[in-house]
């Protein structure tokens, strides 16, 4: 576990901007809070490796929930803000990895 901008982020080899052992490019700078445990993880693989329970996805009707952490500035984005961000933090303009969209179904229903 590592504290980033005052928020605990769990995972494997998490760096100061939420990169992890599984995803560590310059743009891998978000963590997602999982609804099953209310804890932030950089990715689904980190959750699977560290959490002692099965992961759950966010229901579509909870898109207004703050569940995405920008590892660059510490902004907590709602799921809707993140999904509509164009792979860029709306607060600090840091670029997010657009390939994360390939895994949305592992985090978000709908």
PDB file of N, CA and C in Angstrom:
ATOM      1  N   UNK A   1       0.839  -1.172   0.000  1.00  0.00           N
ATOM      2  CA  UNK A   1       0.000   0.000   0.000  1.00  0.00           C
ATOM      3  C   UNK A   1       0.887   1.239   0.000  1.00  0.00           C
ATOM      4  N   UNK A   2       0.435   2.248  -0.720  1.00  0.00           N
ATOM      5  CA  UNK A   2       1.150   3.512  -0.779  1.00  0.00           C
ATOM      6  C   UNK A   2       0.137   4.642  -0.653  1.00  0.00           C
ATOM      7  N   UNK A   3       0.480   5.669   0.073  1.00  0.00           N
ATOM      8  CA  UNK A   3      -0.393   6.830   0.207  1.00  0.00           C
ATOM      9  C   UNK A   3      -0.015   7.845  -0.866  1.00  0.00           C
ATOM     10  N   UNK A   4      -1.016   8.187  -1.699  1.00  0.00           N
ATOM     11  CA  UNK A   4      -0.806   9.108  -2.812  1.00  0.00           C
ATOM     12  C   UNK A   4      -1.808  10.242  -2.669  1.00  0.00           C
ATOM     13  N   UNK A   5      -1.308  11.462  -2.521  1.00  0.00           N
ATOM     14  CA  UNK A   5      -2.165  12.628  -2.325  1.00  0.00           C
ATOM     15  C   UNK A   5      -3.145  12.390  -1.168  1.00  0.00           C
ATOM     16  N   UNK A   6      -2.653  11.723  -0.109  1.00  0.00           N
ATOM     17  CA  UNK A   6      -3.456  11.486   1.082  1.00  0.00           C
ATOM     18  C   UNK A   6      -4.424  10.318   0.986  1.00  0.00           C
ATOM     19  N   UNK A   7      -4.377   9.575  -0.120  1.00  0.00           N
ATOM     20  CA  UNK A   7      -5.291   8.452  -0.328  1.00  0.00           C
ATOM     21  C   UNK A   7      -4.490   7.162  -0.414  1.00  0.00           C
ATOM     22  N   UNK A   8      -4.915   6.148   0.316  1.00  0.00           N
ATOM     23  CA  UNK A   8      -4.232   4.854   0.281  1.00  0.00           C
ATOM     24  C   UNK A   8      -4.566   4.129  -1.017  1.00  0.00           C
ATOM     25  N   UNK A   9      -3.517   3.708  -1.720  1.00  0.00           N
ATOM     26  CA  UNK A   9      -3.669   2.948  -2.963  1.00  0.00           C
ATOM     27  C   UNK A   9      -2.966   1.610  -2.753  1.00  0.00           C
ATOM     28  N   UNK A  10      -3.709   0.537  -2.905  1.00  0.00           N
ATOM     29  CA  UNK A  10      -3.208  -0.810  -2.683  1.00  0.00           C
ATOM     30  C   UNK A  10      -2.778  -1.413  -4.015  1.00  0.00           C
ATOM     31  N   UNK A  11      -1.816  -2.326  -3.973  1.00  0.00           N
ATOM     32  CA  UNK A  11      -1.398  -2.980  -5.209  1.00  0.00           C
ATOM     33  C   UNK A  11       0.005  -3.525  -5.123  1.00  0.00           C
ATOM     34  N   UNK A  12       0.550  -3.827  -6.286  1.00  0.00           N
ATOM     35  CA  UNK A  12       1.874  -4.430  -6.397  1.00  0.00           C
ATOM     36  C   UNK A  12       2.838  -3.392  -6.963  1.00  0.00           C
ATOM     37  N   UNK A  13       3.856  -3.032  -6.178  1.00  0.00           N
ATOM     38  CA  UNK A  13       4.877  -2.066  -6.600  1.00  0.00           C
ATOM     39  C   UNK A  13       4.267  -0.753  -7.089  1.00  0.00           C
ATOM     40  N   UNK A  14       3.384  -0.181  -6.309  1.00  0.00           N
ATOM     41  CA  UNK A  14       2.714   1.073  -6.660  1.00  0.00           C
ATOM     42  C   UNK A  14       3.697   2.230  -6.489  1.00  0.00           C
ATOM     43  N   UNK A  15       3.793   3.082  -7.541  1.00  0.00           N
ATOM     44  CA  UNK A  15       4.685   4.229  -7.438  1.00  0.00           C
ATOM     45  C   UNK A  15       3.919   5.478  -6.993  1.00  0.00           C
ATOM     46  N   UNK A  16       4.586   6.611  -6.960  1.00  0.00           N
ATOM     47  CA  UNK A  16       4.012   7.842  -6.418  1.00  0.00           C
ATOM     48  C   UNK A  16       2.884   8.424  -7.260  1.00  0.00           C
ATOM     49  N   UNK A  17       2.683   7.928  -8.496  1.00  0.00           N
ATOM     50  CA  UNK A  17       1.605   8.421  -9.353  1.00  0.00           C
ATOM     51  C   UNK A  17       0.643   7.306  -9.759  1.00  0.00           C
ATOM     52  N   UNK A  18       0.612   6.231  -9.022  1.00  0.00           N
ATOM     53  CA  UNK A  18      -0.305   5.081  -9.147  1.00  0.00           C
ATOM     54  C   UNK A  18       0.086   4.046 -10.196  1.00  0.00           C
ATOM     55  N   UNK A  19       1.261   4.188 -10.829  1.00  0.00           N
ATOM     56  CA  UNK A  19       1.694   3.104 -11.719  1.00  0.00           C
ATOM     57  C   UNK A  19       1.949   1.867 -10.860  1.00  0.00           C
ATOM     58  N   UNK A  20       1.894   0.696 -11.498  1.00  0.00           N
ATOM     59  CA  UNK A  20       2.074  -0.537 -10.735  1.00  0.00           C
ATOM     60  C   UNK A  20       2.927  -1.528 -11.523  1.00  0.00           C
ATOM     61  N   UNK A  21       3.105  -2.697 -10.957  1.00  0.00           N
ATOM     62  CA  UNK A  21       3.906  -3.744 -11.612  1.00  0.00           C
ATOM     63  C   UNK A  21       3.275  -4.196 -12.919  1.00  0.00           C
ATOM     64  N   UNK A  22       1.973  -4.014 -13.076  1.00  0.00           N
ATOM     65  CA  UNK A  22       1.269  -4.504 -14.265  1.00  0.00           C
ATOM     66  C   UNK A  22       1.174  -3.460 -15.376  1.00  0.00           C
ATOM     67  N   UNK A  23       1.017  -2.206 -14.984  1.00  0.00           N
ATOM     68  CA  UNK A  23       0.854  -1.100 -15.935  1.00  0.00           C
ATOM     69  C   UNK A  23       1.721   0.057 -15.464  1.00  0.00           C
ATOM     70  N   UNK A  24       2.780   0.358 -16.224  1.00  0.00           N
ATOM     71  CA  UNK A  24       3.723   1.367 -15.732  1.00  0.00           C
ATOM     72  C   UNK A  24       4.243   2.312 -16.811  1.00  0.00           C
ATOM     73  N   UNK A  25       3.379   2.628 -17.781  1.00  0.00           N
ATOM     74  CA  UNK A  25       3.796   3.626 -18.768  1.00  0.00           C
ATOM     75  C   UNK A  25       3.620   5.020 -18.179  1.00  0.00           C
ATOM     76  N   UNK A  26       4.111   6.008 -18.875  1.00  0.00           N
ATOM     77  CA  UNK A  26       4.001   7.389 -18.419  1.00  0.00           C
ATOM     78  C   UNK A  26       2.546   7.801 -18.190  1.00  0.00           C
ATOM     79  N   UNK A  27       1.615   7.216 -18.953  1.00  0.00           N
ATOM     80  CA  UNK A  27       0.206   7.607 -18.861  1.00  0.00           C
ATOM     81  C   UNK A  27      -0.630   6.708 -17.944  1.00  0.00           C
ATOM     82  N   UNK A  28      -0.020   5.735 -17.291  1.00  0.00           N
ATOM     83  CA  UNK A  28      -0.753   4.875 -16.354  1.00  0.00           C
ATOM     84  C   UNK A  28      -0.779   5.542 -14.980  1.00  0.00           C
ATOM     85  N   UNK A  29      -1.618   6.569 -14.871  1.00  0.00           N
ATOM     86  CA  UNK A  29      -1.614   7.409 -13.671  1.00  0.00           C
ATOM     87  C   UNK A  29      -2.995   7.565 -13.047  1.00  0.00           C
ATOM     88  N   UNK A  30      -3.773   6.485 -13.038  1.00  0.00           N
ATOM     89  CA  UNK A  30      -5.037   6.507 -12.308  1.00  0.00           C
ATOM     90  C   UNK A  30      -5.107   5.292 -11.399  1.00  0.00           C
ATOM     91  N   UNK A  31      -5.933   5.411 -10.392  1.00  0.00           N
ATOM     92  CA  UNK A  31      -6.300   4.267  -9.560  1.00  0.00           C
ATOM     93  C   UNK A  31      -7.823   4.271  -9.485  1.00  0.00           C
ATOM     94  N   UNK A  32      -8.396   3.099  -9.375  1.00  0.00           N
ATOM     95  CA  UNK A  32      -9.849   2.959  -9.334  1.00  0.00           C
ATOM     96  C   UNK A  32     -10.258   2.373  -7.988  1.00  0.00           C
ATOM     97  N   UNK A  33     -11.259   3.008  -7.387  1.00  0.00           N
ATOM     98  CA  UNK A  33     -11.810   2.498  -6.127  1.00  0.00           C
ATOM     99  C   UNK A  33     -12.828   1.420  -6.480  1.00  0.00           C
ATOM    100  N   UNK A  34     -12.619   0.241  -5.915  1.00  0.00           N
ATOM    101  CA  UNK A  34     -13.511  -0.880  -6.202  1.00  0.00           C
ATOM    102  C   UNK A  34     -14.686  -0.879  -5.230  1.00  0.00           C
ATOM    103  N   UNK A  35     -15.900  -1.119  -5.723  1.00  0.00           N
ATOM    104  CA  UNK A  35     -17.079  -1.057  -4.856  1.00  0.00           C
ATOM    105  C   UNK A  35     -17.146  -2.182  -3.827  1.00  0.00           C
ATOM    106  N   UNK A  36     -16.458  -3.273  -4.082  1.00  0.00           N
ATOM    107  CA  UNK A  36     -16.511  -4.416  -3.170  1.00  0.00           C
ATOM    108  C   UNK A  36     -15.798  -4.146  -1.849  1.00  0.00           C
ATOM    109  N   UNK A  37     -14.811  -3.259  -1.874  1.00  0.00           N
ATOM    110  CA  UNK A  37     -14.010  -3.044  -0.671  1.00  0.00           C
ATOM    111  C   UNK A  37     -13.781  -1.571  -0.350  1.00  0.00           C
ATOM    112  N   UNK A  38     -14.217  -0.686  -1.240  1.00  0.00           N
ATOM    113  CA  UNK A  38     -14.043   0.752  -1.048  1.00  0.00           C
ATOM    114  C   UNK A  38     -12.568   1.135  -0.952  1.00  0.00           C
ATOM    115  N   UNK A  39     -11.716   0.408  -1.658  1.00  0.00           N
ATOM    116  CA  UNK A  39     -10.270   0.659  -1.667  1.00  0.00           C
ATOM    117  C   UNK A  39      -9.812   0.945  -3.090  1.00  0.00           C
ATOM    118  N   UNK A  40      -8.811   1.819  -3.202  1.00  0.00           N
ATOM    119  CA  UNK A  40      -8.226   2.145  -4.502  1.00  0.00           C
ATOM    120  C   UNK A  40      -7.128   1.150  -4.874  1.00  0.00           C
ATOM    121  N   UNK A  41      -7.109   0.771  -6.156  1.00  0.00           N
ATOM    122  CA  UNK A  41      -6.084  -0.071  -6.750  1.00  0.00           C
ATOM    123  C   UNK A  41      -5.737   0.501  -8.114  1.00  0.00           C
ATOM    124  N   UNK A  42      -4.464   0.403  -8.546  1.00  0.00           N
ATOM    125  CA  UNK A  42      -4.109   0.888  -9.883  1.00  0.00           C
ATOM    126  C   UNK A  42      -4.772   0.106 -11.012  1.00  0.00           C
ATOM    127  N   UNK A  43      -5.068  -1.176 -10.772  1.00  0.00           N
ATOM    128  CA  UNK A  43      -5.639  -1.994 -11.845  1.00  0.00           C
ATOM    129  C   UNK A  43      -6.315  -3.236 -11.267  1.00  0.00           C
ATOM    130  N   UNK A  44      -7.043  -3.923 -12.129  1.00  0.00           N
ATOM    131  CA  UNK A  44      -7.745  -5.138 -11.701  1.00  0.00           C
ATOM    132  C   UNK A  44      -6.769  -6.222 -11.288  1.00  0.00           C
ATOM    133  N   UNK A  45      -5.606  -6.262 -11.925  1.00  0.00           N
ATOM    134  CA  UNK A  45      -4.609  -7.291 -11.566  1.00  0.00           C
ATOM    135  C   UNK A  45      -4.067  -7.057 -10.155  1.00  0.00           C
ATOM    136  N   UNK A  46      -3.872  -5.802  -9.787  1.00  0.00           N
ATOM    137  CA  UNK A  46      -3.439  -5.496  -8.420  1.00  0.00           C
ATOM    138  C   UNK A  46      -4.509  -5.923  -7.414  1.00  0.00           C
ATOM    139  N   UNK A  47      -5.770  -5.633  -7.718  1.00  0.00           N
ATOM    140  CA  UNK A  47      -6.852  -6.054  -6.822  1.00  0.00           C
ATOM    141  C   UNK A  47      -6.831  -7.566  -6.666  1.00  0.00           C
ATOM    142  N   UNK A  48      -6.722  -8.288  -7.780  1.00  0.00           N
ATOM    143  CA  UNK A  48      -6.728  -9.748  -7.726  1.00  0.00           C
ATOM    144  C   UNK A  48      -5.547 -10.289  -6.926  1.00  0.00           C
ATOM    145  N   UNK A  49      -4.404  -9.604  -6.998  1.00  0.00           N
ATOM    146  CA  UNK A  49      -3.196 -10.080  -6.321  1.00  0.00           C
ATOM    147  C   UNK A  49      -3.201  -9.797  -4.827  1.00  0.00           C
ATOM    148  N   UNK A  50      -3.830  -8.699  -4.422  1.00  0.00           N
ATOM    149  CA  UNK A  50      -3.697  -8.242  -3.043  1.00  0.00           C
ATOM    150  C   UNK A  50      -4.967  -8.430  -2.205  1.00  0.00           C
ATOM    151  N   UNK A  51      -6.117  -8.191  -2.806  1.00  0.00           N
ATOM    152  CA  UNK A  51      -7.373  -8.295  -2.051  1.00  0.00           C
ATOM    153  C   UNK A  51      -7.706  -9.758  -1.772  1.00  0.00           C
ATOM    154  N   UNK A  52      -8.347  -9.984  -0.676  1.00  0.00           N
ATOM    155  CA  UNK A  52      -8.704 -11.351  -0.290  1.00  0.00           C
ATOM    156  C   UNK A  52     -10.177 -11.632  -0.553  1.00  0.00           C
ATOM    157  N   UNK A  53     -10.687 -11.076  -1.644  1.00  0.00           N
ATOM    158  CA  UNK A  53     -12.082 -11.270  -2.039  1.00  0.00           C
ATOM    159  C   UNK A  53     -12.190 -11.051  -3.550  1.00  0.00           C
ATOM    160  N   UNK A  54     -13.247 -11.541  -4.164  1.00  0.00           N
ATOM    161  CA  UNK A  54     -13.431 -11.309  -5.595  1.00  0.00           C
ATOM    162  C   UNK A  54     -13.759  -9.844  -5.866  1.00  0.00           C
ATOM    163  N   UNK A  55     -13.283  -9.340  -6.986  1.00  0.00           N
ATOM    164  CA  UNK A  55     -13.582  -7.954  -7.335  1.00  0.00           C
ATOM    165  C   UNK A  55     -15.001  -7.826  -7.869  1.00  0.00           C
ATOM    166  N   UNK A  56     -15.552  -6.636  -7.703  1.00  0.00           N
ATOM    167  CA  UNK A  56     -16.872  -6.308  -8.231  1.00  0.00           C
ATOM    168  C   UNK A  56     -16.741  -5.090  -9.122  1.00  0.00           C
ATOM    169  N   UNK A  57     -17.705  -4.914 -10.026  1.00  0.00           N
ATOM    170  CA  UNK A  57     -17.726  -3.756 -10.910  1.00  0.00           C
ATOM    171  C   UNK A  57     -18.748  -2.736 -10.407  1.00  0.00           C
ATOM    172  N   UNK A  58     -18.561  -1.492 -10.848  1.00  0.00           N
ATOM    173  CA  UNK A  58     -19.490  -0.431 -10.468  1.00  0.00           C
ATOM    174  C   UNK A  58     -20.764  -0.539 -11.290  1.00  0.00           C
ATOM    175  N   UNK A  59     -21.933  -0.532 -10.653  1.00  0.00           N
ATOM    176  CA  UNK A  59     -23.198  -0.540 -11.388  1.00  0.00           C
ATOM    177  C   UNK A  59     -23.341   0.733 -12.229  1.00  0.00           C
ATOM    178  N   UNK A  60     -24.021   0.602 -13.336  1.00  0.00           N
ATOM    179  CA  UNK A  60     -24.184   1.739 -14.241  1.00  0.00           C
ATOM    180  C   UNK A  60     -24.893   2.916 -13.578  1.00  0.00           C
ATOM    181  N   UNK A  61     -25.758   2.648 -12.613  1.00  0.00           N
ATOM    182  CA  UNK A  61     -26.496   3.736 -11.965  1.00  0.00           C
ATOM    183  C   UNK A  61     -25.679   4.468 -10.886  1.00  0.00           C
ATOM    184  N   UNK A  62     -24.395   4.151 -10.773  1.00  0.00           N
ATOM    185  CA  UNK A  62     -23.534   4.827  -9.804  1.00  0.00           C
ATOM    186  C   UNK A  62     -22.429   5.639 -10.481  1.00  0.00           C
ATOM    187  N   UNK A  63     -22.695   6.100 -11.687  1.00  0.00           N
ATOM    188  CA  UNK A  63     -21.695   6.854 -12.445  1.00  0.00           C
ATOM    189  C   UNK A  63     -21.347   8.196 -11.799  1.00  0.00           C
ATOM    190  N   UNK A  64     -22.160   8.681 -10.858  1.00  0.00           N
ATOM    191  CA  UNK A  64     -21.867   9.939 -10.181  1.00  0.00           C
ATOM    192  C   UNK A  64     -20.987   9.742  -8.943  1.00  0.00           C
ATOM    193  N   UNK A  65     -20.534   8.526  -8.722  1.00  0.00           N
ATOM    194  CA  UNK A  65     -19.687   8.215  -7.570  1.00  0.00           C
ATOM    195  C   UNK A  65     -18.233   8.552  -7.874  1.00  0.00           C
ATOM    196  N   UNK A  66     -17.565   9.221  -6.931  1.00  0.00           N
ATOM    197  CA  UNK A  66     -16.132   9.470  -7.082  1.00  0.00           C
ATOM    198  C   UNK A  66     -15.406   8.151  -6.868  1.00  0.00           C
ATOM    199  N   UNK A  67     -14.754   7.664  -7.919  1.00  0.00           N
ATOM    200  CA  UNK A  67     -14.112   6.353  -7.829  1.00  0.00           C
ATOM    201  C   UNK A  67     -12.833   6.255  -8.640  1.00  0.00           C
ATOM    202  N   UNK A  68     -12.360   7.367  -9.195  1.00  0.00           N
ATOM    203  CA  UNK A  68     -11.137   7.351  -9.990  1.00  0.00           C
ATOM    204  C   UNK A  68     -10.210   8.447  -9.465  1.00  0.00           C
ATOM    205  N   UNK A  69      -8.993   8.064  -9.136  1.00  0.00           N
ATOM    206  CA  UNK A  69      -7.989   8.973  -8.596  1.00  0.00           C
ATOM    207  C   UNK A  69      -6.952   9.299  -9.659  1.00  0.00           C
ATOM    208  N   UNK A  70      -6.737  10.580  -9.911  1.00  0.00           N
ATOM    209  CA  UNK A  70      -5.626  10.988 -10.776  1.00  0.00           C
ATOM    210  C   UNK A  70      -4.364  10.951  -9.934  1.00  0.00           C
ATOM    211  N   UNK A  71      -3.419  10.129 -10.335  1.00  0.00           N
ATOM    212  CA  UNK A  71      -2.176  10.007  -9.588  1.00  0.00           C
ATOM    213  C   UNK A  71      -1.256  11.200  -9.729  1.00  0.00           C
ATOM    214  N   UNK A  72      -1.512  12.053 -10.702  1.00  0.00           N
ATOM    215  CA  UNK A  72      -0.673  13.231 -10.906  1.00  0.00           C
ATOM    216  C   UNK A  72      -1.062  14.356  -9.958  1.00  0.00           C
ATOM    217  N   UNK A  73      -2.358  14.699  -9.915  1.00  0.00           N
ATOM    218  CA  UNK A  73      -2.787  15.841  -9.098  1.00  0.00           C
ATOM    219  C   UNK A  73      -3.609  15.465  -7.869  1.00  0.00           C
ATOM    220  N   UNK A  74      -4.100  14.235  -7.795  1.00  0.00           N
ATOM    221  CA  UNK A  74      -4.896  13.808  -6.647  1.00  0.00           C
ATOM    222  C   UNK A  74      -6.385  14.062  -6.780  1.00  0.00           C
ATOM    223  N   UNK A  75      -6.829  14.536  -7.942  1.00  0.00           N
ATOM    224  CA  UNK A  75      -8.262  14.757  -8.132  1.00  0.00           C
ATOM    225  C   UNK A  75      -8.995  13.424  -8.074  1.00  0.00           C
ATOM    226  N   UNK A  76     -10.142  13.427  -7.394  1.00  0.00           N
ATOM    227  CA  UNK A  76     -11.016  12.255  -7.392  1.00  0.00           C
ATOM    228  C   UNK A  76     -12.153  12.541  -8.359  1.00  0.00           C
ATOM    229  N   UNK A  77     -12.209  11.751  -9.419  1.00  0.00           N
ATOM    230  CA  UNK A  77     -13.198  11.944 -10.471  1.00  0.00           C
ATOM    231  C   UNK A  77     -14.361  10.996 -10.274  1.00  0.00           C
ATOM    232  N   UNK A  78     -15.542  11.461 -10.671  1.00  0.00           N
ATOM    233  CA  UNK A  78     -16.661  10.534 -10.713  1.00  0.00           C
ATOM    234  C   UNK A  78     -16.410   9.576 -11.877  1.00  0.00           C
ATOM    235  N   UNK A  79     -17.097   8.475 -11.860  1.00  0.00           N
ATOM    236  CA  UNK A  79     -16.956   7.512 -12.951  1.00  0.00           C
ATOM    237  C   UNK A  79     -17.342   8.179 -14.265  1.00  0.00           C
ATOM    238  N   UNK A  80     -18.420   8.947 -14.274  1.00  0.00           N
ATOM    239  CA  UNK A  80     -18.854   9.643 -15.491  1.00  0.00           C
ATOM    240  C   UNK A  80     -17.790  10.619 -15.973  1.00  0.00           C
ATOM    241  N   UNK A  81     -17.199  11.385 -15.062  1.00  0.00           N
ATOM    242  CA  UNK A  81     -16.135  12.323 -15.457  1.00  0.00           C
ATOM    243  C   UNK A  81     -14.968  11.584 -16.098  1.00  0.00           C
ATOM    244  N   UNK A  82     -14.591  10.470 -15.497  1.00  0.00           N
ATOM    245  CA  UNK A  82     -13.481   9.688 -16.045  1.00  0.00           C
ATOM    246  C   UNK A  82     -13.821   9.129 -17.424  1.00  0.00           C
ATOM    247  N   UNK A  83     -14.993   8.526 -17.556  1.00  0.00           N
ATOM    248  CA  UNK A  83     -15.369   7.916 -18.834  1.00  0.00           C
ATOM    249  C   UNK A  83     -15.513   8.965 -19.935  1.00  0.00           C
ATOM    250  N   UNK A  84     -15.863  10.191 -19.564  1.00  0.00           N
ATOM    251  CA  UNK A  84     -16.034  11.271 -20.542  1.00  0.00           C
ATOM    252  C   UNK A  84     -14.800  12.164 -20.676  1.00  0.00           C
ATOM    253  N   UNK A  85     -13.688  11.777 -20.052  1.00  0.00           N
ATOM    254  CA  UNK A  85     -12.520  12.664 -19.961  1.00  0.00           C
ATOM    255  C   UNK A  85     -11.683  12.753 -21.231  1.00  0.00           C
ATOM    256  N   UNK A  86     -11.897  11.853 -22.175  1.00  0.00           N
ATOM    257  CA  UNK A  86     -11.030  11.851 -23.351  1.00  0.00           C
ATOM    258  C   UNK A  86      -9.606  11.462 -23.000  1.00  0.00           C
ATOM    259  N   UNK A  87      -9.464  10.621 -21.973  1.00  0.00           N
ATOM    260  CA  UNK A  87      -8.153  10.140 -21.509  1.00  0.00           C
ATOM    261  C   UNK A  87      -7.243  11.279 -21.048  1.00  0.00           C
ATOM    262  N   UNK A  88      -7.849  12.257 -20.344  1.00  0.00           N
ATOM    263  CA  UNK A  88      -7.079  13.377 -19.816  1.00  0.00           C
ATOM    264  C   UNK A  88      -7.754  13.872 -18.539  1.00  0.00           C
ATOM    265  N   UNK A  89      -6.965  14.148 -17.528  1.00  0.00           N
ATOM    266  CA  UNK A  89      -7.531  14.636 -16.268  1.00  0.00           C
ATOM    267  C   UNK A  89      -8.174  16.005 -16.487  1.00  0.00           C
ATOM    268  N   UNK A  90      -9.435  16.163 -16.099  1.00  0.00           N
ATOM    269  CA  UNK A  90     -10.086  17.466 -16.264  1.00  0.00           C
ATOM    270  C   UNK A  90      -9.538  18.532 -15.315  1.00  0.00           C
ATOM    271  N   UNK A  91      -8.821  18.124 -14.275  1.00  0.00           N
ATOM    272  CA  UNK A  91      -8.270  19.088 -13.320  1.00  0.00           C
ATOM    273  C   UNK A  91      -6.865  19.559 -13.683  1.00  0.00           C
ATOM    274  N   UNK A  92      -5.977  18.629 -14.067  1.00  0.00           N
ATOM    275  CA  UNK A  92      -4.570  18.998 -14.309  1.00  0.00           C
ATOM    276  C   UNK A  92      -4.107  18.744 -15.737  1.00  0.00           C
ATOM    277  N   UNK A  93      -4.957  18.179 -16.571  1.00  0.00           N
ATOM    278  CA  UNK A  93      -4.644  17.879 -17.978  1.00  0.00           C
ATOM    279  C   UNK A  93      -3.624  16.755 -18.167  1.00  0.00           C
ATOM    280  N   UNK A  94      -3.318  16.008 -17.110  1.00  0.00           N
ATOM    281  CA  UNK A  94      -2.427  14.854 -17.280  1.00  0.00           C
ATOM    282  C   UNK A  94      -3.088  13.867 -18.231  1.00  0.00           C
ATOM    283  N   UNK A  95      -2.289  13.260 -19.075  1.00  0.00           N
ATOM    284  CA  UNK A  95      -2.818  12.272 -20.011  1.00  0.00           C
ATOM    285  C   UNK A  95      -2.964  10.927 -19.333  1.00  0.00           C
ATOM    286  N   UNK A  96      -4.140  10.302 -19.537  1.00  0.00           N
ATOM    287  CA  UNK A  96      -4.393   8.946 -19.067  1.00  0.00           C
ATOM    288  C   UNK A  96      -4.179   7.994 -20.232  1.00  0.00           C
ATOM    289  N   UNK A  97      -3.920   6.747 -19.925  1.00  0.00           N
ATOM    290  CA  UNK A  97      -3.696   5.745 -20.956  1.00  0.00           C
ATOM    291  C   UNK A  97      -5.010   5.418 -21.672  1.00  0.00           C
ATOM    292  N   UNK A  98      -5.130   5.735 -22.958  1.00  0.00           N
ATOM    293  CA  UNK A  98      -6.380   5.449 -23.665  1.00  0.00           C
ATOM    294  C   UNK A  98      -6.660   3.953 -23.801  1.00  0.00           C
ATOM    295  N   UNK A  99      -5.636   3.123 -23.675  1.00  0.00           N
ATOM    296  CA  UNK A  99      -5.831   1.671 -23.763  1.00  0.00           C
ATOM    297  C   UNK A  99      -6.594   1.121 -22.559  1.00  0.00           C
ATOM    298  N   UNK A 100      -6.729   1.909 -21.498  1.00  0.00           N
ATOM    299  CA  UNK A 100      -7.522   1.468 -20.353  1.00  0.00           C
ATOM    300  C   UNK A 100      -8.967   1.189 -20.764  1.00  0.00           C
ATOM    301  N   UNK A 101      -9.422   1.850 -21.812  1.00  0.00           N
ATOM    302  CA  UNK A 101     -10.791   1.628 -22.302  1.00  0.00           C
ATOM    303  C   UNK A 101     -11.014   0.172 -22.684  1.00  0.00           C
ATOM    304  N   UNK A 102      -9.953  -0.543 -23.030  1.00  0.00           N
ATOM    305  CA  UNK A 102     -10.069  -1.961 -23.376  1.00  0.00           C
ATOM    306  C   UNK A 102     -10.495  -2.819 -22.191  1.00  0.00           C
ATOM    307  N   UNK A 103     -10.397  -2.267 -20.985  1.00  0.00           N
ATOM    308  CA  UNK A 103     -10.705  -3.024 -19.763  1.00  0.00           C
ATOM    309  C   UNK A 103     -11.873  -2.445 -18.981  1.00  0.00           C
ATOM    310  N   UNK A 104     -12.596  -1.491 -19.529  1.00  0.00           N
ATOM    311  CA  UNK A 104     -13.673  -0.853 -18.766  1.00  0.00           C
ATOM    312  C   UNK A 104     -14.663  -1.854 -18.190  1.00  0.00           C
ATOM    313  N   UNK A 105     -14.935  -2.937 -18.922  1.00  0.00           N
ATOM    314  CA  UNK A 105     -15.928  -3.899 -18.435  1.00  0.00           C
ATOM    315  C   UNK A 105     -15.469  -4.613 -17.164  1.00  0.00           C
ATOM    316  N   UNK A 106     -14.183  -4.529 -16.841  1.00  0.00           N
ATOM    317  CA  UNK A 106     -13.671  -5.133 -15.605  1.00  0.00           C
ATOM    318  C   UNK A 106     -13.886  -4.219 -14.394  1.00  0.00           C
ATOM    319  N   UNK A 107     -14.247  -2.973 -14.680  1.00  0.00           N
ATOM    320  CA  UNK A 107     -14.446  -1.975 -13.626  1.00  0.00           C
ATOM    321  C   UNK A 107     -15.876  -1.435 -13.551  1.00  0.00           C
ATOM    322  N   UNK A 108     -16.490  -1.278 -14.734  1.00  0.00           N
ATOM    323  CA  UNK A 108     -17.770  -0.574 -14.828  1.00  0.00           C
ATOM    324  C   UNK A 108     -18.784  -1.392 -15.600  1.00  0.00           C
ATOM    325  N   UNK A 109     -20.001  -1.525 -15.055  1.00  0.00           N
ATOM    326  CA  UNK A 109     -21.101  -2.174 -15.786  1.00  0.00           C
ATOM    327  C   UNK A 109     -21.592  -1.227 -16.877  1.00  0.00           C
ATOM    328  N   UNK A 110     -22.238  -1.826 -17.868  1.00  0.00           N
ATOM    329  CA  UNK A 110     -22.866  -1.035 -18.914  1.00  0.00           C
ATOM    330  C   UNK A 110     -21.965  -0.809 -20.042  1.00  0.00           C
TER     331      UNK A 110
END
